[in-house]
Amino acid sequence: MDDPVTRYRAVHEDLEALFARFSDQDVIAPGNIGTWALRDVMAHLAAWDIWARRAIEVRLTADDLPAEMNEEARNPDPFNARAAEAWKGYTAAEARAAFSQAFADLEYFIQTTPHDQLSRQIVRPNGKTSSPVSTLVALARHSSEHCAELGRLLNP
C-alpha cells in the first residue's frame, strides 16, 4: 500500500466506519475530543480534505504552494479553529454529509486528473522528490491518528 491515494482512501474508509458507530447525540455533544464535539473533528478533517485538493491542484503546475497555504500547514491551529467554528450549527446529519462530501470531492478530483499529472516529480530544495499527491501521505498519517483517538472513545 505504498500508493498515497490508496493509503488515504483506506484511512478515510476507516474514519467513516468509526464515525458511523457514534450516535447523532455523540456527534454534536461537546467535549468528546478535548473541548471538541465529534462534529468539530469531522469539520477539521473535511477542511484538510478541501485543503489537500487545493494543494494537489496547485502542485499539478507549480512546485510550491502559495504562502498562505504553507502557513496553514506550518501553523494549523487557526485553520482548525475556523473549520470547527464553521460547522457549529450543523446537525449530526449535516456534519456527516459534509464530511463525506469533502472526501467525495477530493476523490472525484483525483479520479478525473491524469495519473501522470498526479505523480509529476517535484524536486524539493533538500534534493528529495515529491509529487502532487504526496500531500495525501501526511493526510493519511494525520487521519490515522484520529482513527486511533476515535477507537479509544469507543473502547475506553
C-alpha atoms as a PDB file:
ATOM      1  CA  MET A   1       0.000   0.000   0.000  1.00  0.00           C
ATOM      2  CA  ASP A   2       2.739   2.460  -0.975  1.00  0.00           C
ATOM      3  CA  ASP A   3       0.419   4.484  -3.190  1.00  0.00           C
ATOM      4  CA  PRO A   4      -0.618   7.670  -1.328  1.00  0.00           C
ATOM      5  CA  VAL A   5      -4.076   7.671  -2.920  1.00  0.00           C
ATOM      6  CA  THR A   6      -4.781   4.058  -1.953  1.00  0.00           C
ATOM      7  CA  ARG A   7      -3.477   4.648   1.560  1.00  0.00           C
ATOM      8  CA  TYR A   8      -5.617   7.730   2.053  1.00  0.00           C
ATOM      9  CA  ARG A   9      -8.738   6.031   0.709  1.00  0.00           C
ATOM     10  CA  ALA A  10      -8.282   3.187   3.194  1.00  0.00           C
ATOM     11  CA  VAL A  11      -7.831   5.524   6.150  1.00  0.00           C
ATOM     12  CA  HIS A  12     -10.866   7.546   5.105  1.00  0.00           C
ATOM     13  CA  GLU A  13     -12.955   4.371   4.950  1.00  0.00           C
ATOM     14  CA  ASP A  14     -11.805   3.607   8.495  1.00  0.00           C
ATOM     15  CA  LEU A  15     -12.852   7.098   9.614  1.00  0.00           C
ATOM     16  CA  GLU A  16     -16.280   6.741   8.001  1.00  0.00           C
ATOM     17  CA  ALA A  17     -16.782   3.385   9.732  1.00  0.00           C
ATOM     18  CA  LEU A  18     -15.742   4.785  13.105  1.00  0.00           C
ATOM     19  CA  PHE A  19     -17.943   7.885  12.844  1.00  0.00           C
ATOM     20  CA  ALA A  20     -20.876   5.639  11.892  1.00  0.00           C
ATOM     21  CA  ARG A  21     -20.594   3.897  15.263  1.00  0.00           C
ATOM     22  CA  PHE A  22     -21.397   7.100  17.162  1.00  0.00           C
ATOM     23  CA  SER A  23     -24.946   8.258  17.800  1.00  0.00           C
ATOM     24  CA  ASP A  24     -26.144  11.589  16.469  1.00  0.00           C
ATOM     25  CA  GLN A  25     -26.089  12.902  20.044  1.00  0.00           C
ATOM     26  CA  ASP A  26     -22.456  11.791  20.403  1.00  0.00           C
ATOM     27  CA  VAL A  27     -21.579  13.652  17.197  1.00  0.00           C
ATOM     28  CA  ILE A  28     -22.879  17.006  18.431  1.00  0.00           C
ATOM     29  CA  ALA A  29     -22.050  16.740  22.151  1.00  0.00           C
ATOM     30  CA  PRO A  30     -19.083  18.946  23.094  1.00  0.00           C
ATOM     31  CA  GLY A  31     -16.145  17.530  24.962  1.00  0.00           C
ATOM     32  CA  ASN A  32     -15.665  14.169  23.273  1.00  0.00           C
ATOM     33  CA  ILE A  33     -12.215  15.109  21.986  1.00  0.00           C
ATOM     34  CA  GLY A  34     -10.836  17.742  24.336  1.00  0.00           C
ATOM     35  CA  THR A  35     -13.312  20.617  24.037  1.00  0.00           C
ATOM     36  CA  TRP A  36     -14.428  19.500  20.581  1.00  0.00           C
ATOM     37  CA  ALA A  37     -17.535  17.613  19.602  1.00  0.00           C
ATOM     38  CA  LEU A  38     -17.083  14.834  17.058  1.00  0.00           C
ATOM     39  CA  ARG A  39     -18.729  17.238  14.604  1.00  0.00           C
ATOM     40  CA  ASP A  40     -15.728  19.549  15.121  1.00  0.00           C
ATOM     41  CA  VAL A  41     -13.349  16.686  14.360  1.00  0.00           C
ATOM     42  CA  MET A  42     -15.319  15.951  11.190  1.00  0.00           C
ATOM     43  CA  ALA A  43     -15.114  19.649  10.238  1.00  0.00           C
ATOM     44  CA  HIS A  44     -11.388  19.643  10.894  1.00  0.00           C
ATOM     45  CA  LEU A  45     -10.796  16.536   8.783  1.00  0.00           C
ATOM     46  CA  ALA A  46     -13.069  17.775   5.982  1.00  0.00           C
ATOM     47  CA  ALA A  47     -11.238  21.112   5.911  1.00  0.00           C
ATOM     48  CA  TRP A  48      -7.968  19.269   5.397  1.00  0.00           C
ATOM     49  CA  ASP A  49      -9.537  17.229   2.569  1.00  0.00           C
ATOM     50  CA  ILE A  50     -10.516  20.504   0.901  1.00  0.00           C
ATOM     51  CA  TRP A  51      -7.054  21.918   1.590  1.00  0.00           C
ATOM     52  CA  ALA A  52      -5.410  18.793   0.141  1.00  0.00           C
ATOM     53  CA  ARG A  53      -7.473  19.043  -3.033  1.00  0.00           C
ATOM     54  CA  ARG A  54      -6.313  22.639  -3.460  1.00  0.00           C
ATOM     55  CA  ALA A  55      -2.711  21.679  -2.706  1.00  0.00           C
ATOM     56  CA  ILE A  56      -2.749  18.855  -5.239  1.00  0.00           C
ATOM     57  CA  GLU A  57      -4.303  21.119  -7.849  1.00  0.00           C
ATOM     58  CA  VAL A  58      -1.659  23.804  -7.281  1.00  0.00           C
ATOM     59  CA  ARG A  59       1.149  21.258  -7.429  1.00  0.00           C
ATOM     60  CA  LEU A  60      -0.010  19.967 -10.793  1.00  0.00           C
ATOM     61  CA  THR A  61       1.609  23.050 -12.315  1.00  0.00           C
ATOM     62  CA  ALA A  62       3.725  24.632  -9.557  1.00  0.00           C
ATOM     63  CA  ASP A  63       6.491  23.272  -7.399  1.00  0.00           C
ATOM     64  CA  ASP A  64       5.394  25.054  -4.238  1.00  0.00           C
ATOM     65  CA  LEU A  65       2.227  26.162  -2.535  1.00  0.00           C
ATOM     66  CA  PRO A  66       1.148  29.766  -2.063  1.00  0.00           C
ATOM     67  CA  ALA A  67       2.453  31.401   1.103  1.00  0.00           C
ATOM     68  CA  GLU A  68      -0.931  31.270   2.878  1.00  0.00           C
ATOM     69  CA  MET A  69      -1.212  27.523   2.325  1.00  0.00           C
ATOM     70  CA  ASN A  70       2.323  26.950   3.568  1.00  0.00           C
ATOM     71  CA  GLU A  71       1.434  28.990   6.666  1.00  0.00           C
ATOM     72  CA  GLU A  72      -1.706  26.906   7.265  1.00  0.00           C
ATOM     73  CA  ALA A  73       0.390  23.742   7.076  1.00  0.00           C
ATOM     74  CA  ARG A  74       3.071  25.123   9.423  1.00  0.00           C
ATOM     75  CA  ASN A  75       0.629  26.686  11.897  1.00  0.00           C
ATOM     76  CA  PRO A  76      -2.630  24.722  11.628  1.00  0.00           C
ATOM     77  CA  ASP A  77      -4.356  25.829  14.849  1.00  0.00           C
ATOM     78  CA  PRO A  78      -6.112  28.916  13.396  1.00  0.00           C
ATOM     79  CA  PHE A  79      -7.131  26.902  10.310  1.00  0.00           C
ATOM     80  CA  ASN A  80      -8.515  24.113  12.511  1.00  0.00           C
ATOM     81  CA  ALA A  81     -10.394  26.567  14.729  1.00  0.00           C
ATOM     82  CA  ARG A  82     -12.023  28.231  11.692  1.00  0.00           C
ATOM     83  CA  ALA A  83     -13.063  24.839  10.347  1.00  0.00           C
ATOM     84  CA  ALA A  84     -14.705  23.786  13.606  1.00  0.00           C
ATOM     85  CA  GLU A  85     -16.415  27.159  14.040  1.00  0.00           C
ATOM     86  CA  ALA A  86     -17.895  26.991  10.538  1.00  0.00           C
ATOM     87  CA  TRP A  87     -19.791  23.803  11.453  1.00  0.00           C
ATOM     88  CA  LYS A  88     -21.037  24.814  14.929  1.00  0.00           C
ATOM     89  CA  GLY A  89     -24.656  24.953  13.785  1.00  0.00           C
ATOM     90  CA  TYR A  90     -24.576  21.678  11.855  1.00  0.00           C
ATOM     91  CA  THR A  91     -26.770  18.823  12.949  1.00  0.00           C
ATOM     92  CA  ALA A  92     -25.180  15.396  13.132  1.00  0.00           C
ATOM     93  CA  ALA A  93     -26.730  14.513   9.763  1.00  0.00           C
ATOM     94  CA  GLU A  94     -25.390  17.702   8.178  1.00  0.00           C
ATOM     95  CA  ALA A  95     -21.932  17.089   9.624  1.00  0.00           C
ATOM     96  CA  ARG A  96     -21.866  13.505   8.396  1.00  0.00           C
ATOM     97  CA  ALA A  97     -22.986  14.581   4.914  1.00  0.00           C
ATOM     98  CA  ALA A  98     -20.477  17.452   4.695  1.00  0.00           C
ATOM     99  CA  PHE A  99     -17.665  15.203   5.935  1.00  0.00           C
ATOM    100  CA  SER A 100     -18.457  12.614   3.272  1.00  0.00           C
ATOM    101  CA  GLN A 101     -18.838  15.276   0.579  1.00  0.00           C
ATOM    102  CA  ALA A 102     -15.417  16.808   1.255  1.00  0.00           C
ATOM    103  CA  PHE A 103     -13.810  13.423   0.701  1.00  0.00           C
ATOM    104  CA  ALA A 104     -16.003  12.720  -2.347  1.00  0.00           C
ATOM    105  CA  ASP A 105     -14.863  15.996  -3.905  1.00  0.00           C
ATOM    106  CA  LEU A 106     -11.211  15.127  -3.272  1.00  0.00           C
ATOM    107  CA  GLU A 107     -11.755  11.618  -4.607  1.00  0.00           C
ATOM    108  CA  TYR A 108     -13.510  12.902  -7.746  1.00  0.00           C
ATOM    109  CA  PHE A 109     -10.687  15.343  -8.417  1.00  0.00           C
ATOM    110  CA  ILE A 110      -8.109  12.574  -8.073  1.00  0.00           C
ATOM    111  CA  GLN A 111     -10.089  10.184 -10.287  1.00  0.00           C
ATOM    112  CA  THR A 112     -10.536  12.772 -13.033  1.00  0.00           C
ATOM    113  CA  THR A 113      -6.943  14.017 -13.065  1.00  0.00           C
ATOM    114  CA  PRO A 114      -4.498  12.078 -15.263  1.00  0.00           C
ATOM    115  CA  HIS A 115      -2.198   9.838 -13.250  1.00  0.00           C
ATOM    116  CA  ASP A 116       0.931  11.253 -14.902  1.00  0.00           C
ATOM    117  CA  GLN A 117      -0.021  14.714 -13.638  1.00  0.00           C
ATOM    118  CA  LEU A 118      -0.720  13.445 -10.119  1.00  0.00           C
ATOM    119  CA  SER A 119       2.638  11.668  -9.998  1.00  0.00           C
ATOM    120  CA  ARG A 120       4.654  14.568 -11.521  1.00  0.00           C
ATOM    121  CA  GLN A 121       8.012  14.625  -9.765  1.00  0.00           C
ATOM    122  CA  ILE A 122       8.827  17.802  -7.870  1.00  0.00           C
ATOM    123  CA  VAL A 123      12.410  18.256  -6.721  1.00  0.00           C
ATOM    124  CA  ARG A 124      12.425  19.811  -3.251  1.00  0.00           C
ATOM    125  CA  PRO A 125      15.148  22.196  -2.002  1.00  0.00           C
ATOM    126  CA  ASN A 126      16.644  19.349   0.072  1.00  0.00           C
ATOM    127  CA  GLY A 127      17.132  17.280  -3.094  1.00  0.00           C
ATOM    128  CA  LYS A 128      14.338  14.826  -2.312  1.00  0.00           C
ATOM    129  CA  THR A 129      11.385  14.491  -4.623  1.00  0.00           C
ATOM    130  CA  SER A 130       7.672  14.592  -4.032  1.00  0.00           C
ATOM    131  CA  SER A 131       4.575  14.647  -6.192  1.00  0.00           C
ATOM    132  CA  PRO A 132       1.247  16.468  -6.132  1.00  0.00           C
ATOM    133  CA  VAL A 133      -0.391  13.543  -4.320  1.00  0.00           C
ATOM    134  CA  SER A 134       2.360  13.299  -1.701  1.00  0.00           C
ATOM    135  CA  THR A 135       0.152  15.623   0.345  1.00  0.00           C
ATOM    136  CA  LEU A 136      -2.011  12.566   0.956  1.00  0.00           C
ATOM    137  CA  VAL A 137       0.805  10.811   2.838  1.00  0.00           C
ATOM    138  CA  ALA A 138       0.696  13.380   5.626  1.00  0.00           C
ATOM    139  CA  LEU A 139      -3.084  13.495   5.478  1.00  0.00           C
ATOM    140  CA  ALA A 140      -3.304   9.707   5.870  1.00  0.00           C
ATOM    141  CA  ARG A 141      -0.936   9.795   8.852  1.00  0.00           C
ATOM    142  CA  HIS A 142      -2.970  12.569  10.455  1.00  0.00           C
ATOM    143  CA  SER A 143      -6.270  10.802   9.800  1.00  0.00           C
ATOM    144  CA  SER A 144      -4.851   7.567  11.236  1.00  0.00           C
ATOM    145  CA  GLU A 145      -4.138   9.422  14.480  1.00  0.00           C
ATOM    146  CA  HIS A 146      -7.774  10.488  14.591  1.00  0.00           C
ATOM    147  CA  CYS A 147      -8.851   6.889  13.905  1.00  0.00           C
ATOM    148  CA  ALA A 148      -6.889   5.788  16.948  1.00  0.00           C
ATOM    149  CA  GLU A 149      -8.417   8.561  19.036  1.00  0.00           C
ATOM    150  CA  LEU A 150     -11.944   7.627  17.919  1.00  0.00           C
ATOM    151  CA  GLY A 151     -11.229   3.979  18.630  1.00  0.00           C
ATOM    152  CA  ARG A 152     -10.223   4.872  22.190  1.00  0.00           C
ATOM    153  CA  LEU A 153     -13.535   6.703  22.655  1.00  0.00           C
ATOM    154  CA  LEU A 154     -15.427   3.616  21.527  1.00  0.00           C
ATOM    155  CA  ASN A 155     -13.292   1.183  23.539  1.00  0.00           C
ATOM    156  CA  PRO A 156     -12.016   3.034  26.626  1.00  0.00           C
END
